[in-house]
Amino acid sequence: MNLSIEYNIIIAYVVGLFLLYILGWLLVVPRKFLIRLILNGVVGALVLFFINMAGKTFGIYVGINPITALVVGFLGIPGVILLIVLQYIV
Protein backbone atom coordinates (compact mmCIF):
# COMPACT_ATOMS: atom_id res chain seq x y z
CA MET A 1 0.00 0.00 0.00
CA ASN A 2 1.63 3.22 -1.18
CA LEU A 3 0.42 6.34 0.66
CA SER A 4 2.74 8.84 -0.92
CA ILE A 5 1.27 12.30 -1.50
CA GLU A 6 2.89 14.63 -3.93
CA TYR A 7 4.44 17.73 -2.48
CA ASN A 8 2.57 19.91 -4.99
CA ILE A 9 -0.75 18.89 -3.44
CA ILE A 10 0.47 19.65 0.08
CA ILE A 11 1.78 23.05 -1.01
CA ALA A 12 -1.54 23.79 -2.76
CA TYR A 13 -3.47 22.98 0.44
CA VAL A 14 -1.19 25.16 2.56
CA VAL A 15 -1.43 28.09 0.14
CA GLY A 16 -5.22 27.67 -0.04
CA LEU A 17 -5.56 27.69 3.75
CA PHE A 18 -3.32 30.75 3.97
CA LEU A 19 -5.42 32.61 1.37
CA LEU A 20 -8.61 31.63 3.20
CA TYR A 21 -7.15 32.99 6.45
CA ILE A 22 -6.19 36.29 4.77
CA LEU A 23 -9.67 36.63 3.24
CA GLY A 24 -11.33 36.04 6.61
CA TRP A 25 -9.02 38.53 8.27
CA LEU A 26 -9.85 41.18 5.66
CA LEU A 27 -13.56 40.71 6.28
CA VAL A 28 -13.31 40.91 10.08
CA VAL A 29 -10.86 43.79 10.63
CA PRO A 30 -12.90 46.57 8.94
CA ARG A 31 -15.97 45.59 10.95
CA LYS A 32 -14.03 45.90 14.21
CA PHE A 33 -12.65 49.27 13.08
CA LEU A 34 -16.12 50.59 12.21
CA ILE A 35 -17.61 49.39 15.49
CA ARG A 36 -14.78 51.05 17.41
CA LEU A 37 -15.21 54.26 15.42
CA ILE A 38 -18.95 54.36 16.14
CA LEU A 39 -18.48 53.63 19.85
CA ASN A 40 -15.80 56.32 20.19
CA GLY A 41 -18.07 58.80 18.45
CA VAL A 42 -20.99 58.04 20.78
CA VAL A 43 -18.78 58.31 23.86
CA GLY A 44 -17.33 61.58 22.55
CA ALA A 45 -20.81 63.00 21.96
CA LEU A 46 -21.87 62.06 25.49
CA VAL A 47 -18.75 63.67 26.97
CA LEU A 48 -19.38 66.84 24.96
CA PHE A 49 -22.99 66.88 26.10
CA PHE A 50 -21.94 66.74 29.75
CA ILE A 51 -19.22 69.34 29.18
CA ASN A 52 -21.82 71.65 27.64
CA MET A 53 -24.20 71.09 30.56
CA ALA A 54 -21.48 71.80 33.13
CA GLY A 55 -19.98 74.61 31.06
CA LYS A 56 -23.16 76.73 31.00
CA THR A 57 -22.10 78.49 34.18
CA PHE A 58 -18.66 79.29 32.75
CA GLY A 59 -19.81 80.17 29.23
CA ILE A 60 -18.15 77.15 27.66
CA TYR A 61 -19.96 75.56 24.74
CA VAL A 62 -18.57 73.17 22.14
CA GLY A 63 -20.83 72.19 19.27
CA ILE A 64 -21.64 68.51 19.00
CA ASN A 65 -21.11 67.16 15.50
CA PRO A 66 -19.48 63.99 14.14
CA ILE A 67 -15.99 65.55 13.88
CA THR A 68 -15.90 66.95 17.42
CA ALA A 69 -17.41 63.75 18.82
CA LEU A 70 -14.73 61.63 17.14
CA VAL A 71 -11.94 63.97 18.30
CA VAL A 72 -13.12 63.66 21.90
CA GLY A 73 -13.77 59.93 21.48
CA PHE A 74 -10.23 59.25 20.27
CA LEU A 75 -8.26 61.75 22.32
CA GLY A 76 -10.31 61.84 25.53
CA ILE A 77 -9.65 64.74 27.93
CA PRO A 78 -6.89 66.24 25.75
CA GLY A 79 -9.42 66.27 22.90
CA VAL A 80 -11.90 68.24 25.01
CA ILE A 81 -9.20 70.73 25.96
CA LEU A 82 -8.12 70.97 22.31
CA LEU A 83 -11.65 71.78 21.16
CA ILE A 84 -12.17 74.39 23.87
CA VAL A 85 -8.85 76.08 23.04
CA LEU A 86 -9.60 75.97 19.30
CA GLN A 87 -12.99 77.54 19.90
CA TYR A 88 -11.41 80.49 21.69
CA ILE A 89 -8.68 80.87 19.07
CA VAL A 90 -11.05 80.81 16.11
PDB file of N, CA and C in Angstrom:
ATOM      1  N   MET A   1       0.841  -1.164   0.000  1.00  0.00           N
ATOM      2  CA  MET A   1       0.000   0.000   0.000  1.00  0.00           C
ATOM      3  C   MET A   1       0.891   1.234   0.000  1.00  0.00           C
ATOM      4  N   ASN A   2       0.796   2.040  -1.011  1.00  0.00           N
ATOM      5  CA  ASN A   2       1.630   3.222  -1.178  1.00  0.00           C
ATOM      6  C   ASN A   2       0.803   4.462  -0.855  1.00  0.00           C
ATOM      7  N   LEU A   3       1.152   5.151   0.224  1.00  0.00           N
ATOM      8  CA  LEU A   3       0.417   6.337   0.660  1.00  0.00           C
ATOM      9  C   LEU A   3       1.193   7.623   0.388  1.00  0.00           C
ATOM     10  N   SER A   4       1.948   7.643  -0.637  1.00  0.00           N
ATOM     11  CA  SER A   4       2.737   8.844  -0.924  1.00  0.00           C
ATOM     12  C   SER A   4       1.836   9.927  -1.528  1.00  0.00           C
ATOM     13  N   ILE A   5       1.999  11.138  -1.016  1.00  0.00           N
ATOM     14  CA  ILE A   5       1.270  12.300  -1.504  1.00  0.00           C
ATOM     15  C   ILE A   5       2.290  13.235  -2.130  1.00  0.00           C
ATOM     16  N   GLU A   6       1.954  13.739  -3.274  1.00  0.00           N
ATOM     17  CA  GLU A   6       2.890  14.626  -3.933  1.00  0.00           C
ATOM     18  C   GLU A   6       3.009  15.941  -3.163  1.00  0.00           C
ATOM     19  N   TYR A   7       4.193  16.485  -3.189  1.00  0.00           N
ATOM     20  CA  TYR A   7       4.443  17.731  -2.484  1.00  0.00           C
ATOM     21  C   TYR A   7       3.657  18.895  -3.077  1.00  0.00           C
ATOM     22  N   ASN A   8       3.351  18.839  -4.356  1.00  0.00           N
ATOM     23  CA  ASN A   8       2.571  19.906  -4.993  1.00  0.00           C
ATOM     24  C   ASN A   8       1.180  20.020  -4.381  1.00  0.00           C
ATOM     25  N   ILE A   9       0.582  18.891  -4.047  1.00  0.00           N
ATOM     26  CA  ILE A   9      -0.748  18.893  -3.440  1.00  0.00           C
ATOM     27  C   ILE A   9      -0.684  19.478  -2.037  1.00  0.00           C
ATOM     28  N   ILE A  10       0.313  19.115  -1.272  1.00  0.00           N
ATOM     29  CA  ILE A  10       0.469  19.650   0.081  1.00  0.00           C
ATOM     30  C   ILE A  10       0.690  21.156   0.032  1.00  0.00           C
ATOM     31  N   ILE A  11       1.519  21.612  -0.883  1.00  0.00           N
ATOM     32  CA  ILE A  11       1.777  23.052  -1.014  1.00  0.00           C
ATOM     33  C   ILE A  11       0.502  23.772  -1.434  1.00  0.00           C
ATOM     34  N   ALA A  12      -0.289  23.175  -2.328  1.00  0.00           N
ATOM     35  CA  ALA A  12      -1.541  23.789  -2.764  1.00  0.00           C
ATOM     36  C   ALA A  12      -2.516  23.921  -1.600  1.00  0.00           C
ATOM     37  N   TYR A  13      -2.610  22.915  -0.737  1.00  0.00           N
ATOM     38  CA  TYR A  13      -3.473  22.979   0.437  1.00  0.00           C
ATOM     39  C   TYR A  13      -3.006  24.070   1.407  1.00  0.00           C
ATOM     40  N   VAL A  14      -1.720  24.150   1.640  1.00  0.00           N
ATOM     41  CA  VAL A  14      -1.186  25.157   2.561  1.00  0.00           C
ATOM     42  C   VAL A  14      -1.439  26.560   2.027  1.00  0.00           C
ATOM     43  N   VAL A  15      -1.195  26.770   0.745  1.00  0.00           N
ATOM     44  CA  VAL A  15      -1.428  28.090   0.143  1.00  0.00           C
ATOM     45  C   VAL A  15      -2.919  28.418   0.182  1.00  0.00           C
ATOM     46  N   GLY A  16      -3.780  27.443  -0.088  1.00  0.00           N
ATOM     47  CA  GLY A  16      -5.222  27.666  -0.043  1.00  0.00           C
ATOM     48  C   GLY A  16      -5.693  28.038   1.349  1.00  0.00           C
ATOM     49  N   LEU A  17      -5.193  27.354   2.368  1.00  0.00           N
ATOM     50  CA  LEU A  17      -5.562  27.692   3.748  1.00  0.00           C
ATOM     51  C   LEU A  17      -5.056  29.079   4.133  1.00  0.00           C
ATOM     52  N   PHE A  18      -3.863  29.426   3.684  1.00  0.00           N
ATOM     53  CA  PHE A  18      -3.317  30.751   3.967  1.00  0.00           C
ATOM     54  C   PHE A  18      -4.171  31.841   3.311  1.00  0.00           C
ATOM     55  N   LEU A  19      -4.573  31.631   2.062  1.00  0.00           N
ATOM     56  CA  LEU A  19      -5.417  32.611   1.370  1.00  0.00           C
ATOM     57  C   LEU A  19      -6.795  32.726   2.024  1.00  0.00           C
ATOM     58  N   LEU A  20      -7.335  31.609   2.488  1.00  0.00           N
ATOM     59  CA  LEU A  20      -8.614  31.627   3.197  1.00  0.00           C
ATOM     60  C   LEU A  20      -8.492  32.407   4.502  1.00  0.00           C
ATOM     61  N   TYR A  21      -7.394  32.241   5.214  1.00  0.00           N
ATOM     62  CA  TYR A  21      -7.147  32.987   6.446  1.00  0.00           C
ATOM     63  C   TYR A  21      -7.059  34.485   6.158  1.00  0.00           C
ATOM     64  N   ILE A  22      -6.337  34.873   5.125  1.00  0.00           N
ATOM     65  CA  ILE A  22      -6.189  36.287   4.766  1.00  0.00           C
ATOM     66  C   ILE A  22      -7.544  36.873   4.389  1.00  0.00           C
ATOM     67  N   LEU A  23      -8.352  36.157   3.627  1.00  0.00           N
ATOM     68  CA  LEU A  23      -9.674  36.632   3.236  1.00  0.00           C
ATOM     69  C   LEU A  23     -10.563  36.833   4.454  1.00  0.00           C
ATOM     70  N   GLY A  24     -10.559  35.898   5.375  1.00  0.00           N
ATOM     71  CA  GLY A  24     -11.331  36.041   6.610  1.00  0.00           C
ATOM     72  C   GLY A  24     -10.863  37.208   7.442  1.00  0.00           C
ATOM     73  N   TRP A  25      -9.572  37.420   7.501  1.00  0.00           N
ATOM     74  CA  TRP A  25      -9.020  38.532   8.265  1.00  0.00           C
ATOM     75  C   TRP A  25      -9.442  39.861   7.656  1.00  0.00           C
ATOM     76  N   LEU A  26      -9.439  39.947   6.334  1.00  0.00           N
ATOM     77  CA  LEU A  26      -9.846  41.183   5.663  1.00  0.00           C
ATOM     78  C   LEU A  26     -11.326  41.491   5.861  1.00  0.00           C
ATOM     79  N   LEU A  27     -12.135  40.482   6.058  1.00  0.00           N
ATOM     80  CA  LEU A  27     -13.556  40.711   6.282  1.00  0.00           C
ATOM     81  C   LEU A  27     -13.872  41.080   7.726  1.00  0.00           C
ATOM     82  N   VAL A  28     -13.040  40.666   8.671  1.00  0.00           N
ATOM     83  CA  VAL A  28     -13.312  40.913  10.083  1.00  0.00           C
ATOM     84  C   VAL A  28     -12.723  42.240  10.555  1.00  0.00           C
ATOM     85  N   VAL A  29     -11.541  42.596  10.114  1.00  0.00           N
ATOM     86  CA  VAL A  29     -10.856  43.788  10.625  1.00  0.00           C
ATOM     87  C   VAL A  29     -11.636  45.069  10.350  1.00  0.00           C
ATOM     88  N   PRO A  30     -12.164  45.325   9.143  1.00  0.00           N
ATOM     89  CA  PRO A  30     -12.900  46.573   8.944  1.00  0.00           C
ATOM     90  C   PRO A  30     -14.146  46.670   9.817  1.00  0.00           C
ATOM     91  N   ARG A  31     -14.793  45.551  10.092  1.00  0.00           N
ATOM     92  CA  ARG A  31     -15.967  45.590  10.949  1.00  0.00           C
ATOM     93  C   ARG A  31     -15.586  46.025  12.359  1.00  0.00           C
ATOM     94  N   LYS A  32     -14.489  45.496  12.880  1.00  0.00           N
ATOM     95  CA  LYS A  32     -14.026  45.902  14.207  1.00  0.00           C
ATOM     96  C   LYS A  32     -13.674  47.382  14.222  1.00  0.00           C
ATOM     97  N   PHE A  33     -13.037  47.852  13.162  1.00  0.00           N
ATOM     98  CA  PHE A  33     -12.654  49.266  13.081  1.00  0.00           C
ATOM     99  C   PHE A  33     -13.891  50.157  13.053  1.00  0.00           C
ATOM    100  N   LEU A  34     -14.904  49.776  12.283  1.00  0.00           N
ATOM    101  CA  LEU A  34     -16.119  50.587  12.209  1.00  0.00           C
ATOM    102  C   LEU A  34     -16.874  50.595  13.531  1.00  0.00           C
ATOM    103  N   ILE A  35     -16.934  49.456  14.191  1.00  0.00           N
ATOM    104  CA  ILE A  35     -17.612  49.391  15.489  1.00  0.00           C
ATOM    105  C   ILE A  35     -16.881  50.269  16.499  1.00  0.00           C
ATOM    106  N   ARG A  36     -15.558  50.215  16.495  1.00  0.00           N
ATOM    107  CA  ARG A  36     -14.777  51.045  17.413  1.00  0.00           C
ATOM    108  C   ARG A  36     -14.955  52.529  17.105  1.00  0.00           C
ATOM    109  N   LEU A  37     -15.012  52.874  15.831  1.00  0.00           N
ATOM    110  CA  LEU A  37     -15.211  54.255  15.417  1.00  0.00           C
ATOM    111  C   LEU A  37     -16.575  54.771  15.875  1.00  0.00           C
ATOM    112  N   ILE A  38     -17.604  53.961  15.714  1.00  0.00           N
ATOM    113  CA  ILE A  38     -18.945  54.364  16.142  1.00  0.00           C
ATOM    114  C   ILE A  38     -19.018  54.500  17.657  1.00  0.00           C
ATOM    115  N   LEU A  39     -18.449  53.552  18.385  1.00  0.00           N
ATOM    116  CA  LEU A  39     -18.477  53.633  19.849  1.00  0.00           C
ATOM    117  C   LEU A  39     -17.710  54.852  20.362  1.00  0.00           C
ATOM    118  N   ASN A  40     -16.554  55.129  19.773  1.00  0.00           N
ATOM    119  CA  ASN A  40     -15.795  56.317  20.186  1.00  0.00           C
ATOM    120  C   ASN A  40     -16.573  57.588  19.893  1.00  0.00           C
ATOM    121  N   GLY A  41     -17.266  57.634  18.785  1.00  0.00           N
ATOM    122  CA  GLY A  41     -18.073  58.803  18.447  1.00  0.00           C
ATOM    123  C   GLY A  41     -19.212  59.014  19.425  1.00  0.00           C
ATOM    124  N   VAL A  42     -19.887  57.937  19.819  1.00  0.00           N
ATOM    125  CA  VAL A  42     -20.990  58.041  20.775  1.00  0.00           C
ATOM    126  C   VAL A  42     -20.473  58.487  22.140  1.00  0.00           C
ATOM    127  N   VAL A  43     -19.366  57.907  22.576  1.00  0.00           N
ATOM    128  CA  VAL A  43     -18.777  58.309  23.862  1.00  0.00           C
ATOM    129  C   VAL A  43     -18.337  59.771  23.812  1.00  0.00           C
ATOM    130  N   GLY A  44     -17.745  60.184  22.708  1.00  0.00           N
ATOM    131  CA  GLY A  44     -17.328  61.575  22.554  1.00  0.00           C
ATOM    132  C   GLY A  44     -18.505  62.528  22.586  1.00  0.00           C
ATOM    133  N   ALA A  45     -19.612  62.159  21.942  1.00  0.00           N
ATOM    134  CA  ALA A  45     -20.806  63.003  21.958  1.00  0.00           C
ATOM    135  C   ALA A  45     -21.372  63.121  23.370  1.00  0.00           C
ATOM    136  N   LEU A  46     -21.374  62.018  24.110  1.00  0.00           N
ATOM    137  CA  LEU A  46     -21.866  62.065  25.487  1.00  0.00           C
ATOM    138  C   LEU A  46     -20.979  62.949  26.366  1.00  0.00           C
ATOM    139  N   VAL A  47     -19.674  62.837  26.196  1.00  0.00           N
ATOM    140  CA  VAL A  47     -18.752  63.673  26.971  1.00  0.00           C
ATOM    141  C   VAL A  47     -18.973  65.144  26.632  1.00  0.00           C
ATOM    142  N   LEU A  48     -19.130  65.452  25.347  1.00  0.00           N
ATOM    143  CA  LEU A  48     -19.376  66.840  24.958  1.00  0.00           C
ATOM    144  C   LEU A  48     -20.707  67.347  25.505  1.00  0.00           C
ATOM    145  N   PHE A  49     -21.705  66.493  25.542  1.00  0.00           N
ATOM    146  CA  PHE A  49     -22.992  66.882  26.101  1.00  0.00           C
ATOM    147  C   PHE A  49     -22.847  67.272  27.573  1.00  0.00           C
ATOM    148  N   PHE A  50     -22.123  66.434  28.331  1.00  0.00           N
ATOM    149  CA  PHE A  50     -21.945  66.738  29.750  1.00  0.00           C
ATOM    150  C   PHE A  50     -21.046  67.957  29.965  1.00  0.00           C
ATOM    151  N   ILE A  51     -20.064  68.134  29.091  1.00  0.00           N
ATOM    152  CA  ILE A  51     -19.217  69.335  29.176  1.00  0.00           C
ATOM    153  C   ILE A  51     -20.057  70.585  28.914  1.00  0.00           C
ATOM    154  N   ASN A  52     -20.961  70.510  27.936  1.00  0.00           N
ATOM    155  CA  ASN A  52     -21.824  71.648  27.640  1.00  0.00           C
ATOM    156  C   ASN A  52     -22.790  71.934  28.782  1.00  0.00           C
ATOM    157  N   MET A  53     -23.302  70.895  29.424  1.00  0.00           N
ATOM    158  CA  MET A  53     -24.201  71.093  30.564  1.00  0.00           C
ATOM    159  C   MET A  53     -23.457  71.737  31.736  1.00  0.00           C
ATOM    160  N   ALA A  54     -22.264  71.248  32.022  1.00  0.00           N
ATOM    161  CA  ALA A  54     -21.484  71.796  33.133  1.00  0.00           C
ATOM    162  C   ALA A  54     -20.876  73.144  32.764  1.00  0.00           C
ATOM    163  N   GLY A  55     -20.631  73.378  31.478  1.00  0.00           N
ATOM    164  CA  GLY A  55     -19.979  74.613  31.055  1.00  0.00           C
ATOM    165  C   GLY A  55     -20.912  75.795  30.905  1.00  0.00           C
ATOM    166  N   LYS A  56     -22.217  75.614  31.095  1.00  0.00           N
ATOM    167  CA  LYS A  56     -23.157  76.732  30.998  1.00  0.00           C
ATOM    168  C   LYS A  56     -22.813  77.843  31.971  1.00  0.00           C
ATOM    169  N   THR A  57     -22.397  77.472  33.159  1.00  0.00           N
ATOM    170  CA  THR A  57     -22.098  78.489  34.178  1.00  0.00           C
ATOM    171  C   THR A  57     -20.821  79.258  33.849  1.00  0.00           C
ATOM    172  N   PHE A  58     -19.918  78.639  33.096  1.00  0.00           N
ATOM    173  CA  PHE A  58     -18.664  79.291  32.748  1.00  0.00           C
ATOM    174  C   PHE A  58     -18.668  79.874  31.337  1.00  0.00           C
ATOM    175  N   GLY A  59     -19.741  79.672  30.599  1.00  0.00           N
ATOM    176  CA  GLY A  59     -19.814  80.171  29.231  1.00  0.00           C
ATOM    177  C   GLY A  59     -19.056  79.323  28.236  1.00  0.00           C
ATOM    178  N   ILE A  60     -18.858  78.056  28.556  1.00  0.00           N
ATOM    179  CA  ILE A  60     -18.149  77.145  27.658  1.00  0.00           C
ATOM    180  C   ILE A  60     -19.176  76.324  26.900  1.00  0.00           C
ATOM    181  N   TYR A  61     -19.080  76.370  25.580  1.00  0.00           N
ATOM    182  CA  TYR A  61     -19.957  75.565  24.743  1.00  0.00           C
ATOM    183  C   TYR A  61     -19.161  75.073  23.538  1.00  0.00           C
ATOM    184  N   VAL A  62     -19.210  73.777  23.304  1.00  0.00           N
ATOM    185  CA  VAL A  62     -18.568  73.170  22.140  1.00  0.00           C
ATOM    186  C   VAL A  62     -19.668  72.460  21.358  1.00  0.00           C
ATOM    187  N   GLY A  63     -19.809  72.809  20.096  1.00  0.00           N
ATOM    188  CA  GLY A  63     -20.835  72.187  19.266  1.00  0.00           C
ATOM    189  C   GLY A  63     -20.614  70.695  19.128  1.00  0.00           C
ATOM    190  N   ILE A  64     -21.722  69.966  19.137  1.00  0.00           N
ATOM    191  CA  ILE A  64     -21.643  68.509  19.002  1.00  0.00           C
ATOM    192  C   ILE A  64     -21.954  68.158  17.556  1.00  0.00           C
ATOM    193  N   ASN A  65     -20.951  67.670  16.857  1.00  0.00           N
ATOM    194  CA  ASN A  65     -21.113  67.161  15.498  1.00  0.00           C
ATOM    195  C   ASN A  65     -20.202  65.941  15.356  1.00  0.00           C
ATOM    196  N   PRO A  66     -20.274  65.228  14.253  1.00  0.00           N
ATOM    197  CA  PRO A  66     -19.477  63.991  14.141  1.00  0.00           C
ATOM    198  C   PRO A  66     -17.966  64.208  14.295  1.00  0.00           C
ATOM    199  N   ILE A  67     -17.439  65.316  13.791  1.00  0.00           N
ATOM    200  CA  ILE A  67     -15.994  65.548  13.875  1.00  0.00           C
ATOM    201  C   ILE A  67     -15.569  65.795  15.323  1.00  0.00           C
ATOM    202  N   THR A  68     -16.279  66.666  16.027  1.00  0.00           N
ATOM    203  CA  THR A  68     -15.897  66.950  17.416  1.00  0.00           C
ATOM    204  C   THR A  68     -16.108  65.730  18.301  1.00  0.00           C
ATOM    205  N   ALA A  69     -17.165  64.961  18.027  1.00  0.00           N
ATOM    206  CA  ALA A  69     -17.412  63.751  18.821  1.00  0.00           C
ATOM    207  C   ALA A  69     -16.296  62.733  18.620  1.00  0.00           C
ATOM    208  N   LEU A  70     -15.821  62.576  17.384  1.00  0.00           N
ATOM    209  CA  LEU A  70     -14.730  61.633  17.137  1.00  0.00           C
ATOM    210  C   LEU A  70     -13.414  62.118  17.728  1.00  0.00           C
ATOM    211  N   VAL A  71     -13.167  63.435  17.687  1.00  0.00           N
ATOM    212  CA  VAL A  71     -11.940  63.974  18.296  1.00  0.00           C
ATOM    213  C   VAL A  71     -11.932  63.682  19.790  1.00  0.00           C
ATOM    214  N   VAL A  72     -13.055  63.932  20.453  1.00  0.00           N
ATOM    215  CA  VAL A  72     -13.124  63.656  21.895  1.00  0.00           C
ATOM    216  C   VAL A  72     -13.103  62.157  22.156  1.00  0.00           C
ATOM    217  N   GLY A  73     -13.751  61.378  21.300  1.00  0.00           N
ATOM    218  CA  GLY A  73     -13.772  59.927  21.483  1.00  0.00           C
ATOM    219  C   GLY A  73     -12.395  59.310  21.368  1.00  0.00           C
ATOM    220  N   PHE A  74     -11.574  59.810  20.448  1.00  0.00           N
ATOM    221  CA  PHE A  74     -10.234  59.249  20.275  1.00  0.00           C
ATOM    222  C   PHE A  74      -9.218  59.831  21.245  1.00  0.00           C
ATOM    223  N   LEU A  75      -9.296  61.117  21.506  1.00  0.00           N
ATOM    224  CA  LEU A  75      -8.260  61.755  22.322  1.00  0.00           C
ATOM    225  C   LEU A  75      -8.624  61.857  23.800  1.00  0.00           C
ATOM    226  N   GLY A  76      -9.904  61.771  24.125  1.00  0.00           N
ATOM    227  CA  GLY A  76     -10.313  61.844  25.526  1.00  0.00           C
ATOM    228  C   GLY A  76     -10.247  63.262  26.058  1.00  0.00           C
ATOM    229  N   ILE A  77      -9.746  63.426  27.278  1.00  0.00           N
ATOM    230  CA  ILE A  77      -9.653  64.737  27.930  1.00  0.00           C
ATOM    231  C   ILE A  77      -8.788  65.710  27.132  1.00  0.00           C
ATOM    232  N   PRO A  78      -7.645  65.294  26.585  1.00  0.00           N
ATOM    233  CA  PRO A  78      -6.890  66.238  25.749  1.00  0.00           C
ATOM    234  C   PRO A  78      -7.690  66.707  24.534  1.00  0.00           C
ATOM    235  N   GLY A  79      -8.569  65.877  24.017  1.00  0.00           N
ATOM    236  CA  GLY A  79      -9.419  66.273  22.903  1.00  0.00           C
ATOM    237  C   GLY A  79     -10.419  67.338  23.299  1.00  0.00           C
ATOM    238  N   VAL A  80     -10.976  67.218  24.505  1.00  0.00           N
ATOM    239  CA  VAL A  80     -11.901  68.239  25.008  1.00  0.00           C
ATOM    240  C   VAL A  80     -11.165  69.560  25.167  1.00  0.00           C
ATOM    241  N   ILE A  81      -9.993  69.518  25.767  1.00  0.00           N
ATOM    242  CA  ILE A  81      -9.201  70.733  25.957  1.00  0.00           C
ATOM    243  C   ILE A  81      -8.828  71.344  24.611  1.00  0.00           C
ATOM    244  N   LEU A  82      -8.449  70.498  23.647  1.00  0.00           N
ATOM    245  CA  LEU A  82      -8.118  70.974  22.306  1.00  0.00           C
ATOM    246  C   LEU A  82      -9.290  71.697  21.672  1.00  0.00           C
ATOM    247  N   LEU A  83     -10.481  71.142  21.760  1.00  0.00           N
ATOM    248  CA  LEU A  83     -11.649  71.777  21.163  1.00  0.00           C
ATOM    249  C   LEU A  83     -12.002  73.091  21.843  1.00  0.00           C
ATOM    250  N   ILE A  84     -11.874  73.145  23.145  1.00  0.00           N
ATOM    251  CA  ILE A  84     -12.165  74.395  23.866  1.00  0.00           C
ATOM    252  C   ILE A  84     -11.156  75.472  23.485  1.00  0.00           C
ATOM    253  N   VAL A  85      -9.889  75.113  23.421  1.00  0.00           N
ATOM    254  CA  VAL A  85      -8.853  76.079  23.040  1.00  0.00           C
ATOM    255  C   VAL A  85      -9.065  76.530  21.598  1.00  0.00           C
ATOM    256  N   LEU A  86      -9.366  75.604  20.697  1.00  0.00           N
ATOM    257  CA  LEU A  86      -9.599  75.970  19.304  1.00  0.00           C
ATOM    258  C   LEU A  86     -10.807  76.887  19.150  1.00  0.00           C
ATOM    259  N   GLN A  87     -11.796  76.680  19.973  1.00  0.00           N
ATOM    260  CA  GLN A  87     -12.986  77.539  19.903  1.00  0.00           C
ATOM    261  C   GLN A  87     -12.640  78.974  20.282  1.00  0.00           C
ATOM    262  N   TYR A  88     -11.786  79.141  21.277  1.00  0.00           N
ATOM    263  CA  TYR A  88     -11.414  80.489  21.688  1.00  0.00           C
ATOM    264  C   TYR A  88     -10.402  81.121  20.748  1.00  0.00           C
ATOM    265  N   ILE A  89      -9.623  80.318  20.043  1.00  0.00           N
ATOM    266  CA  ILE A  89      -8.681  80.867  19.071  1.00  0.00           C
ATOM    267  C   ILE A  89      -9.409  81.319  17.816  1.00  0.00           C
ATOM    268  N   VAL A  90     -10.327  80.486  17.352  1.00  0.00           N
ATOM    269  CA  VAL A  90     -11.052  80.806  16.110  1.00  0.00           C
ATOM    270  C   VAL A  90     -12.208  81.656  16.495  1.00  0.00           C
TER     271      VAL A  90
END
